[in-house]
Amino acid sequence: MIRRLISPVNLSVSQDRYVYAGYGGNADPTLLNGANRIGASAGTLLGGLLSMPMFDTVRQALPMM
């Protein structure tokens, strides 16, 4: 039943014949999507680097509790 609901044939009927087989619908290799992907990757990297000292502080403080 589920296989029939999510088949590409049914998706193309319900999505006006514009269906991606996967990749979350963000498969257009346009400049805007590329810039968006680079910005999101940079934000994730920056967030990880900024939160690392906080997690290290918590890791060091936990044995004292």
N, C-alpha and C. Protein backbone atom coordinates (compact mmCIF):
# COMPACT_ATOMS: atom_id res chain seq x y z
N MET A 1 0.82 -1.19 0.00
CA MET A 1 0.00 0.00 0.00
C MET A 1 0.87 1.26 0.00
N ILE A 2 1.85 1.31 0.89
CA ILE A 2 2.72 2.48 0.97
C ILE A 2 3.54 2.62 -0.31
N ARG A 3 4.01 1.50 -0.82
CA ARG A 3 4.80 1.54 -2.04
C ARG A 3 4.01 2.15 -3.19
N ARG A 4 2.73 1.85 -3.23
CA ARG A 4 1.89 2.41 -4.30
C ARG A 4 1.64 3.90 -4.09
N LEU A 5 1.49 4.32 -2.83
CA LEU A 5 1.24 5.74 -2.55
C LEU A 5 2.42 6.63 -2.92
N ILE A 6 3.63 6.14 -2.69
CA ILE A 6 4.80 6.98 -2.93
C ILE A 6 5.52 6.63 -4.23
N SER A 7 4.86 5.92 -5.12
CA SER A 7 5.48 5.59 -6.40
C SER A 7 5.65 6.85 -7.23
N PRO A 8 6.67 6.90 -8.09
CA PRO A 8 6.89 8.09 -8.93
C PRO A 8 5.71 8.42 -9.83
N VAL A 9 4.94 7.42 -10.22
CA VAL A 9 3.77 7.68 -11.07
C VAL A 9 2.75 8.50 -10.31
N ASN A 10 2.43 8.11 -9.08
CA ASN A 10 1.47 8.86 -8.28
C ASN A 10 2.00 10.24 -7.91
N LEU A 11 3.29 10.33 -7.63
CA LEU A 11 3.85 11.63 -7.29
C LEU A 11 3.81 12.57 -8.48
N SER A 12 4.06 12.04 -9.67
CA SER A 12 4.04 12.92 -10.84
C SER A 12 2.63 13.40 -11.14
N VAL A 13 1.63 12.60 -10.81
CA VAL A 13 0.25 13.03 -11.00
C VAL A 13 -0.11 14.11 -9.98
N SER A 14 0.29 13.91 -8.73
CA SER A 14 -0.10 14.86 -7.68
C SER A 14 0.79 16.10 -7.64
N GLN A 15 1.96 16.05 -8.24
CA GLN A 15 2.89 17.18 -8.19
C GLN A 15 3.03 17.88 -9.54
N ASP A 16 2.07 17.74 -10.40
CA ASP A 16 2.07 18.40 -11.70
C ASP A 16 3.26 17.98 -12.56
N ARG A 17 3.60 16.69 -12.51
CA ARG A 17 4.63 16.06 -13.34
C ARG A 17 6.04 16.61 -13.10
N TYR A 18 6.31 17.17 -11.94
CA TYR A 18 7.63 17.70 -11.61
C TYR A 18 8.09 17.00 -10.34
N VAL A 19 8.75 15.86 -10.49
CA VAL A 19 9.06 15.01 -9.35
C VAL A 19 10.56 14.74 -9.30
N TYR A 20 11.12 14.83 -8.11
CA TYR A 20 12.48 14.39 -7.88
C TYR A 20 12.40 13.01 -7.26
N ALA A 21 13.32 12.14 -7.65
CA ALA A 21 13.32 10.79 -7.10
C ALA A 21 13.77 10.78 -5.64
N GLY A 22 14.40 11.80 -5.20
CA GLY A 22 14.87 11.87 -3.82
C GLY A 22 15.50 13.22 -3.59
N TYR A 23 16.37 13.32 -2.62
CA TYR A 23 17.16 14.50 -2.36
C TYR A 23 16.34 15.64 -1.79
N GLY A 24 15.18 15.38 -1.29
CA GLY A 24 14.41 16.38 -0.59
C GLY A 24 13.86 17.51 -1.42
N GLY A 25 13.81 17.36 -2.73
CA GLY A 25 13.26 18.40 -3.58
C GLY A 25 14.19 19.58 -3.79
N ASN A 26 15.44 19.46 -3.41
CA ASN A 26 16.38 20.57 -3.56
C ASN A 26 17.52 20.15 -4.48
N ALA A 27 17.17 19.62 -5.64
CA ALA A 27 18.17 19.07 -6.54
C ALA A 27 18.49 19.99 -7.70
N ASP A 28 17.94 21.19 -7.73
CA ASP A 28 18.24 22.11 -8.82
C ASP A 28 19.67 22.62 -8.68
N PRO A 29 20.51 22.40 -9.68
CA PRO A 29 21.90 22.89 -9.58
C PRO A 29 22.01 24.36 -9.98
N THR A 30 21.25 25.21 -9.32
CA THR A 30 21.28 26.63 -9.63
C THR A 30 22.27 27.35 -8.72
N LEU A 31 22.61 28.55 -9.09
CA LEU A 31 23.55 29.35 -8.30
C LEU A 31 22.98 29.66 -6.92
N LEU A 32 21.69 29.94 -6.86
CA LEU A 32 21.06 30.26 -5.58
C LEU A 32 21.08 29.06 -4.64
N ASN A 33 20.78 27.87 -5.15
CA ASN A 33 20.81 26.68 -4.30
C ASN A 33 22.24 26.36 -3.85
N GLY A 34 23.21 26.56 -4.75
CA GLY A 34 24.60 26.33 -4.37
C GLY A 34 25.05 27.29 -3.29
N ALA A 35 24.69 28.56 -3.44
CA ALA A 35 25.05 29.55 -2.42
C ALA A 35 24.36 29.26 -1.10
N ASN A 36 23.12 28.82 -1.18
CA ASN A 36 22.38 28.47 0.03
C ASN A 36 23.02 27.29 0.74
N ARG A 37 23.45 26.30 -0.03
CA ARG A 37 24.09 25.12 0.56
C ARG A 37 25.42 25.49 1.20
N ILE A 38 26.20 26.35 0.53
CA ILE A 38 27.48 26.78 1.10
C ILE A 38 27.26 27.60 2.38
N GLY A 39 26.27 28.47 2.36
CA GLY A 39 25.96 29.26 3.56
C GLY A 39 25.51 28.39 4.72
N ALA A 40 24.69 27.39 4.43
CA ALA A 40 24.23 26.49 5.49
C ALA A 40 25.39 25.67 6.05
N SER A 41 26.29 25.23 5.17
CA SER A 41 27.45 24.47 5.64
C SER A 41 28.36 25.33 6.50
N ALA A 42 28.57 26.58 6.08
CA ALA A 42 29.41 27.49 6.86
C ALA A 42 28.77 27.79 8.22
N GLY A 43 27.46 27.96 8.25
CA GLY A 43 26.77 28.20 9.51
C GLY A 43 26.85 27.02 10.45
N THR A 44 26.74 25.82 9.90
CA THR A 44 26.86 24.61 10.71
C THR A 44 28.26 24.48 11.28
N LEU A 45 29.26 24.74 10.45
CA LEU A 45 30.64 24.67 10.91
C LEU A 45 30.92 25.71 11.99
N LEU A 46 30.47 26.93 11.77
CA LEU A 46 30.68 28.00 12.75
C LEU A 46 29.95 27.70 14.07
N GLY A 47 28.74 27.18 13.96
CA GLY A 47 28.00 26.81 15.17
C GLY A 47 28.69 25.71 15.96
N GLY A 48 29.24 24.74 15.25
CA GLY A 48 29.98 23.67 15.92
C GLY A 48 31.23 24.18 16.60
N LEU A 49 31.94 25.06 15.90
CA LEU A 49 33.17 25.60 16.50
C LEU A 49 32.88 26.49 17.70
N LEU A 50 31.78 27.22 17.67
CA LEU A 50 31.44 28.09 18.80
C LEU A 50 30.88 27.31 19.99
N SER A 51 30.21 26.20 19.72
CA SER A 51 29.63 25.44 20.84
C SER A 51 30.63 24.46 21.45
N MET A 52 31.73 24.19 20.78
CA MET A 52 32.70 23.24 21.32
C MET A 52 33.25 23.68 22.68
N PRO A 53 33.64 24.94 22.90
CA PRO A 53 34.11 25.33 24.24
C PRO A 53 33.04 25.18 25.32
N MET A 54 31.79 25.42 24.96
CA MET A 54 30.72 25.27 25.93
C MET A 54 30.59 23.81 26.36
N PHE A 55 30.61 22.91 25.40
CA PHE A 55 30.50 21.49 25.74
C PHE A 55 31.71 21.02 26.54
N ASP A 56 32.88 21.57 26.25
CA ASP A 56 34.07 21.21 27.00
C ASP A 56 33.96 21.68 28.44
N THR A 57 33.41 22.87 28.64
CA THR A 57 33.21 23.39 30.00
C THR A 57 32.24 22.51 30.78
N VAL A 58 31.16 22.10 30.14
CA VAL A 58 30.19 21.22 30.80
C VAL A 58 30.83 19.88 31.13
N ARG A 59 31.63 19.36 30.20
CA ARG A 59 32.30 18.07 30.43
C ARG A 59 33.25 18.15 31.62
N GLN A 60 33.93 19.27 31.77
CA GLN A 60 34.86 19.42 32.89
C GLN A 60 34.13 19.67 34.20
N ALA A 61 32.96 20.29 34.16
CA ALA A 61 32.23 20.62 35.39
C ALA A 61 31.41 19.44 35.91
N LEU A 62 31.04 18.51 35.06
CA LEU A 62 30.17 17.42 35.50
C LEU A 62 30.77 16.56 36.61
N PRO A 63 32.05 16.21 36.59
CA PRO A 63 32.56 15.39 37.70
C PRO A 63 32.51 16.10 39.06
N MET A 64 32.42 17.42 39.08
CA MET A 64 32.37 18.15 40.34
C MET A 64 30.99 18.11 40.98
N MET A 65 29.99 17.73 40.23
CA MET A 65 28.63 17.73 40.77
C MET A 65 28.33 16.45 41.49
